[in-house]
C-alpha atoms as a PDB file:
ATOM      1  CA  UNK A   1     -43.439  23.203 -15.618  1.00  0.00           C
ATOM      2  CA  UNK A   2     -41.578  25.697 -13.358  1.00  0.00           C
ATOM      3  CA  UNK A   3     -40.596  22.846 -11.009  1.00  0.00           C
ATOM      4  CA  UNK A   4     -38.700  21.171 -13.865  1.00  0.00           C
ATOM      5  CA  UNK A   5     -36.816  24.388 -14.612  1.00  0.00           C
ATOM      6  CA  UNK A   6     -36.005  24.855 -10.920  1.00  0.00           C
ATOM      7  CA  UNK A   7     -34.750  21.280 -10.683  1.00  0.00           C
ATOM      8  CA  UNK A   8     -32.555  21.759 -13.718  1.00  0.00           C
ATOM      9  CA  UNK A   9     -31.058  24.950 -12.290  1.00  0.00           C
ATOM     10  CA  UNK A  10     -30.509  23.331  -8.894  1.00  0.00           C
ATOM     11  CA  UNK A  11     -28.859  20.318 -10.548  1.00  0.00           C
ATOM     12  CA  UNK A  12     -26.540  22.523 -12.607  1.00  0.00           C
ATOM     13  CA  UNK A  13     -25.641  24.530  -9.515  1.00  0.00           C
ATOM     14  CA  UNK A  14     -24.746  21.326  -7.633  1.00  0.00           C
ATOM     15  CA  UNK A  15     -22.576  20.157 -10.518  1.00  0.00           C
ATOM     16  CA  UNK A  16     -20.808  23.534 -10.768  1.00  0.00           C
ATOM     17  CA  UNK A  17     -20.268  23.552  -7.009  1.00  0.00           C
ATOM     18  CA  UNK A  18     -18.926  19.979  -7.047  1.00  0.00           C
ATOM     19  CA  UNK A  19     -16.491  20.798  -9.864  1.00  0.00           C
ATOM     20  CA  UNK A  20     -15.292  23.916  -8.030  1.00  0.00           C
ATOM     21  CA  UNK A  21     -14.836  21.901  -4.844  1.00  0.00           C
ATOM     22  CA  UNK A  22     -12.984  19.192  -6.792  1.00  0.00           C
ATOM     23  CA  UNK A  23     -10.511  21.713  -8.162  1.00  0.00           C
ATOM     24  CA  UNK A  24     -10.052  23.311  -4.734  1.00  0.00           C
ATOM     25  CA  UNK A  25      -9.349  19.968  -3.051  1.00  0.00           C
ATOM     26  CA  UNK A  26      -7.143  18.771  -5.871  1.00  0.00           C
ATOM     27  CA  UNK A  27      -4.976  21.887  -5.659  1.00  0.00           C
ATOM     28  CA  UNK A  28      -4.615  21.395  -1.915  1.00  0.00           C
ATOM     29  CA  UNK A  29      -3.543  17.780  -2.367  1.00  0.00           C
ATOM     30  CA  UNK A  30      -1.355  18.042  -5.432  1.00  0.00           C
ATOM     31  CA  UNK A  31       2.252  19.067  -5.471  1.00  0.00           C
ATOM     32  CA  UNK A  32       2.982  19.202  -9.183  1.00  0.00           C
ATOM     33  CA  UNK A  33       6.750  19.349  -8.680  1.00  0.00           C
ATOM     34  CA  UNK A  34       6.782  16.109  -6.712  1.00  0.00           C
ATOM     35  CA  UNK A  35       9.252  13.941  -8.648  1.00  0.00           C
ATOM     36  CA  UNK A  36       7.795  10.575  -7.634  1.00  0.00           C
ATOM     37  CA  UNK A  37       4.217  11.406  -8.569  1.00  0.00           C
ATOM     38  CA  UNK A  38       3.081   8.227 -10.312  1.00  0.00           C
ATOM     39  CA  UNK A  39      -0.107   6.648 -11.583  1.00  0.00           C
ATOM     40  CA  UNK A  40      -0.871   4.970  -8.243  1.00  0.00           C
ATOM     41  CA  UNK A  41      -0.471   8.242  -6.354  1.00  0.00           C
ATOM     42  CA  UNK A  42      -2.764  10.066  -8.785  1.00  0.00           C
ATOM     43  CA  UNK A  43      -5.348   7.259  -8.563  1.00  0.00           C
ATOM     44  CA  UNK A  44      -5.224   7.481  -4.758  1.00  0.00           C
ATOM     45  CA  UNK A  45      -5.797  11.257  -4.922  1.00  0.00           C
ATOM     46  CA  UNK A  46      -8.732  10.824  -7.288  1.00  0.00           C
ATOM     47  CA  UNK A  47     -10.312   8.208  -5.016  1.00  0.00           C
ATOM     48  CA  UNK A  48     -10.028  10.588  -2.066  1.00  0.00           C
ATOM     49  CA  UNK A  49     -11.607  13.451  -3.990  1.00  0.00           C
ATOM     50  CA  UNK A  50     -14.476  11.347  -5.364  1.00  0.00           C
ATOM     51  CA  UNK A  51     -15.248  10.098  -1.842  1.00  0.00           C
ATOM     52  CA  UNK A  52     -15.093  13.619  -0.427  1.00  0.00           C
ATOM     53  CA  UNK A  53     -17.543  15.095  -2.972  1.00  0.00           C
ATOM     54  CA  UNK A  54     -20.691  12.966  -3.400  1.00  0.00           C
ATOM     55  CA  UNK A  55     -22.224  13.138  -6.882  1.00  0.00           C
ATOM     56  CA  UNK A  56     -19.034  14.388  -8.512  1.00  0.00           C
ATOM     57  CA  UNK A  57     -18.810  13.695 -12.242  1.00  0.00           C
ATOM     58  CA  UNK A  58     -15.615  14.522 -14.107  1.00  0.00           C
ATOM     59  CA  UNK A  59     -14.495  14.337 -17.697  1.00  0.00           C
ATOM     60  CA  UNK A  60     -11.074  13.180 -18.800  1.00  0.00           C
ATOM     61  CA  UNK A  61     -10.293  16.828 -19.582  1.00  0.00           C
ATOM     62  CA  UNK A  62     -11.204  17.934 -16.031  1.00  0.00           C
ATOM     63  CA  UNK A  63      -8.817  15.411 -14.498  1.00  0.00           C
ATOM     64  CA  UNK A  64      -6.122  16.061 -17.101  1.00  0.00           C
ATOM     65  CA  UNK A  65      -6.188  19.826 -16.509  1.00  0.00           C
ATOM     66  CA  UNK A  66      -6.362  19.650 -12.729  1.00  0.00           C
ATOM     67  CA  UNK A  67      -3.591  17.097 -12.286  1.00  0.00           C
ATOM     68  CA  UNK A  68      -1.490  18.526 -15.139  1.00  0.00           C
ATOM     69  CA  UNK A  69      -1.330  15.150 -16.909  1.00  0.00           C
ATOM     70  CA  UNK A  70      -0.818  14.149 -20.489  1.00  0.00           C
ATOM     71  CA  UNK A  71      -3.888  12.523 -22.030  1.00  0.00           C
ATOM     72  CA  UNK A  72      -2.408   8.987 -22.103  1.00  0.00           C
ATOM     73  CA  UNK A  73      -1.521   8.991 -18.391  1.00  0.00           C
ATOM     74  CA  UNK A  74      -4.916  10.425 -17.502  1.00  0.00           C
ATOM     75  CA  UNK A  75      -6.726   7.743 -19.490  1.00  0.00           C
ATOM     76  CA  UNK A  76      -4.603   4.997 -17.878  1.00  0.00           C
ATOM     77  CA  UNK A  77      -5.530   6.207 -14.377  1.00  0.00           C
ATOM     78  CA  UNK A  78      -9.227   6.588 -15.164  1.00  0.00           C
ATOM     79  CA  UNK A  79      -9.379   3.246 -16.989  1.00  0.00           C
ATOM     80  CA  UNK A  80      -7.760   1.529 -14.001  1.00  0.00           C
ATOM     81  CA  UNK A  81     -10.299   3.075 -11.615  1.00  0.00           C
ATOM     82  CA  UNK A  82     -13.124   2.036 -13.956  1.00  0.00           C
ATOM     83  CA  UNK A  83     -11.785  -1.510 -14.401  1.00  0.00           C
ATOM     84  CA  UNK A  84     -11.716  -2.116 -10.633  1.00  0.00           C
ATOM     85  CA  UNK A  85     -15.289  -0.827 -10.322  1.00  0.00           C
ATOM     86  CA  UNK A  86     -14.517   2.401  -8.468  1.00  0.00           C
ATOM     87  CA  UNK A  87     -15.718   4.673 -11.295  1.00  0.00           C
ATOM     88  CA  UNK A  88     -18.533   4.236 -13.792  1.00  0.00           C
ATOM     89  CA  UNK A  89     -18.904   5.867 -17.200  1.00  0.00           C
ATOM     90  CA  UNK A  90     -21.801   8.321 -17.366  1.00  0.00           C
ATOM     91  CA  UNK A  91     -21.815   9.590 -20.929  1.00  0.00           C
ATOM     92  CA  UNK A  92     -18.563  11.461 -21.490  1.00  0.00           C
ATOM     93  CA  UNK A  93     -17.909  11.768 -17.747  1.00  0.00           C
ATOM     94  CA  UNK A  94     -17.029   9.415 -14.919  1.00  0.00           C
ATOM     95  CA  UNK A  95     -18.749   9.175 -11.571  1.00  0.00           C
ATOM     96  CA  UNK A  96     -18.393   7.097  -8.437  1.00  0.00           C
ATOM     97  CA  UNK A  97     -19.792   3.610  -9.040  1.00  0.00           C
ATOM     98  CA  UNK A  98     -22.743   2.778  -6.809  1.00  0.00           C
END
């Protein structure tokens, strides 16, 4: 039984670390005042971050908050990445498609 608890703690730590790394990389890449920041640019940034951090799973809220997007724009970007097979729904979050 302790191995299961240890695995769960290790898994949660990896997820927390991945989310922290996602936010760090996103803040390095994003210039929120950039006037020509469009859906394609945001999708490109998300692709780069997902490739950089294996196992990353993000919710719509994570992406919306980090990229400072309205919900509609965020859903358009994530839907586009899902439709082309780059992302896959995993419950309420999205992860890199295998």
